[in-house]
Amino acid sequence: MMKFVRNGVKFSIFERDGETYLCTGNPTGELKFDFAGEVADYAVVVGATSVVSGETDDLDELYEKWLHQTSFHREVLGVKY
């Protein structure tokens, strides 16, 4: 697991089964089954406060995805990661 800071936010990144995960918080790298949905099964990353993933090694692409996914929480609710 690699840790780094970008624009004042601490991130961790790790790969599991061909997926790359970009997380905030204190992730352990462990995936835990959450629930089975109609379209897909869902898992959480233990210790993470926000997570995006993709079948890519491009950190900039994952960061842009994270910015999009967390925009409401950051801009409207004022959540600091």
C-alpha atoms as a PDB file:
ATOM      1  CA  MET A   1       0.000   0.000   0.000  1.00  0.00           C
ATOM      2  CA  MET A   2       1.373   3.379  -1.015  1.00  0.00           C
ATOM      3  CA  LYS A   3       0.503   6.578   0.882  1.00  0.00           C
ATOM      4  CA  PHE A   4       0.768  10.140  -0.446  1.00  0.00           C
ATOM      5  CA  VAL A   5      -0.688  13.639  -0.057  1.00  0.00           C
ATOM      6  CA  ARG A   6      -2.324  15.541  -2.896  1.00  0.00           C
ATOM      7  CA  ASN A   7      -3.779  19.042  -2.453  1.00  0.00           C
ATOM      8  CA  GLY A   8      -3.671  18.611   1.318  1.00  0.00           C
ATOM      9  CA  VAL A   9      -5.586  15.297   1.358  1.00  0.00           C
ATOM     10  CA  LYS A  10      -3.901  12.090   2.559  1.00  0.00           C
ATOM     11  CA  PHE A  11      -4.514   9.127   0.254  1.00  0.00           C
ATOM     12  CA  SER A  12      -3.662   5.446   0.233  1.00  0.00           C
ATOM     13  CA  ILE A  13      -3.591   3.389  -2.941  1.00  0.00           C
ATOM     14  CA  PHE A  14      -3.470  -0.375  -3.343  1.00  0.00           C
ATOM     15  CA  GLU A  15      -4.294  -3.025  -5.933  1.00  0.00           C
ATOM     16  CA  ARG A  16      -6.380  -6.150  -5.462  1.00  0.00           C
ATOM     17  CA  ASP A  17      -7.573  -8.580  -8.167  1.00  0.00           C
ATOM     18  CA  GLY A  18      -6.849  -6.194 -11.054  1.00  0.00           C
ATOM     19  CA  GLU A  19      -8.662  -3.236  -9.410  1.00  0.00           C
ATOM     20  CA  THR A  20      -6.785  -0.214  -8.100  1.00  0.00           C
ATOM     21  CA  TYR A  21      -8.293   1.438  -5.000  1.00  0.00           C
ATOM     22  CA  LEU A  22      -7.757   5.076  -4.028  1.00  0.00           C
ATOM     23  CA  CYS A  23      -8.818   5.697  -0.416  1.00  0.00           C
ATOM     24  CA  THR A  24      -8.837   8.304   2.324  1.00  0.00           C
ATOM     25  CA  GLY A  25      -8.839   7.527   6.032  1.00  0.00           C
ATOM     26  CA  ASN A  26      -6.834   4.636   7.456  1.00  0.00           C
ATOM     27  CA  PRO A  27      -7.553   1.735   5.115  1.00  0.00           C
ATOM     28  CA  THR A  28      -6.169  -1.681   5.922  1.00  0.00           C
ATOM     29  CA  GLY A  29      -6.333  -2.927   2.331  1.00  0.00           C
ATOM     30  CA  GLU A  30      -8.890  -5.526   3.422  1.00  0.00           C
ATOM     31  CA  LEU A  31     -12.191  -5.774   1.540  1.00  0.00           C
ATOM     32  CA  LYS A  32     -15.248  -6.748   3.564  1.00  0.00           C
ATOM     33  CA  PHE A  33     -18.501  -7.964   1.999  1.00  0.00           C
ATOM     34  CA  ASP A  34     -21.284  -5.423   2.646  1.00  0.00           C
ATOM     35  CA  PHE A  35     -24.385  -6.653   0.779  1.00  0.00           C
ATOM     36  CA  ALA A  36     -25.614  -8.348  -2.379  1.00  0.00           C
ATOM     37  CA  GLY A  37     -27.426  -6.032  -4.757  1.00  0.00           C
ATOM     38  CA  GLU A  38     -29.517  -6.817  -7.818  1.00  0.00           C
ATOM     39  CA  VAL A  39     -26.753  -5.835 -10.225  1.00  0.00           C
ATOM     40  CA  ALA A  40     -23.594  -6.414  -8.179  1.00  0.00           C
ATOM     41  CA  ASP A  41     -22.249  -7.363  -4.783  1.00  0.00           C
ATOM     42  CA  TYR A  42     -20.875  -4.529  -2.681  1.00  0.00           C
ATOM     43  CA  ALA A  43     -17.829  -4.461  -0.434  1.00  0.00           C
ATOM     44  CA  VAL A  44     -16.219  -1.842   1.793  1.00  0.00           C
ATOM     45  CA  VAL A  45     -12.559  -1.137   2.360  1.00  0.00           C
ATOM     46  CA  VAL A  46     -11.986  -1.546   6.096  1.00  0.00           C
ATOM     47  CA  GLY A  47     -10.838   1.743   7.684  1.00  0.00           C
ATOM     48  CA  ALA A  48     -11.471   3.926   4.620  1.00  0.00           C
ATOM     49  CA  THR A  49     -13.611   7.079   4.740  1.00  0.00           C
ATOM     50  CA  SER A  50     -13.929   7.389   0.949  1.00  0.00           C
ATOM     51  CA  VAL A  51     -13.019   4.981  -1.845  1.00  0.00           C
ATOM     52  CA  VAL A  52     -12.925   4.966  -5.626  1.00  0.00           C
ATOM     53  CA  SER A  53     -11.650   2.113  -7.738  1.00  0.00           C
ATOM     54  CA  GLY A  54     -11.047   1.216 -11.315  1.00  0.00           C
ATOM     55  CA  GLU A  55      -9.236  -1.130 -13.640  1.00  0.00           C
ATOM     56  CA  THR A  56      -6.496   1.430 -14.218  1.00  0.00           C
ATOM     57  CA  ASP A  57      -3.049   2.319 -12.947  1.00  0.00           C
ATOM     58  CA  ASP A  58      -3.545   6.009 -13.835  1.00  0.00           C
ATOM     59  CA  LEU A  59      -3.490   7.909 -10.549  1.00  0.00           C
ATOM     60  CA  ASP A  60      -4.763  11.121 -12.167  1.00  0.00           C
ATOM     61  CA  GLU A  61      -7.803   9.274 -13.534  1.00  0.00           C
ATOM     62  CA  LEU A  62      -8.641   7.849 -10.095  1.00  0.00           C
ATOM     63  CA  TYR A  63      -8.105  11.250  -8.453  1.00  0.00           C
ATOM     64  CA  GLU A  64     -10.516  12.908 -10.919  1.00  0.00           C
ATOM     65  CA  LYS A  65     -13.037  10.152 -10.171  1.00  0.00           C
ATOM     66  CA  TRP A  66     -12.563  10.788  -6.433  1.00  0.00           C
ATOM     67  CA  LEU A  67     -13.087  14.552  -6.908  1.00  0.00           C
ATOM     68  CA  HIS A  68     -16.333  13.855  -8.768  1.00  0.00           C
ATOM     69  CA  GLN A  69     -17.605  11.264  -6.244  1.00  0.00           C
ATOM     70  CA  THR A  70     -16.885  13.432  -3.188  1.00  0.00           C
ATOM     71  CA  SER A  71     -17.813  16.842  -4.626  1.00  0.00           C
ATOM     72  CA  PHE A  72     -21.170  17.099  -2.808  1.00  0.00           C
ATOM     73  CA  HIS A  73     -19.689  16.151   0.554  1.00  0.00           C
ATOM     74  CA  ARG A  74     -16.746  18.519   0.160  1.00  0.00           C
ATOM     75  CA  GLU A  75     -18.474  21.527  -1.411  1.00  0.00           C
ATOM     76  CA  VAL A  76     -21.974  21.466   0.109  1.00  0.00           C
ATOM     77  CA  LEU A  77     -21.538  19.665   3.423  1.00  0.00           C
ATOM     78  CA  GLY A  78     -18.016  20.936   4.082  1.00  0.00           C
ATOM     79  CA  VAL A  79     -16.533  17.491   4.809  1.00  0.00           C
ATOM     80  CA  LYS A  80     -12.742  17.575   5.148  1.00  0.00           C
ATOM     81  CA  TYR A  81     -10.915  14.393   4.156  1.00  0.00           C
END
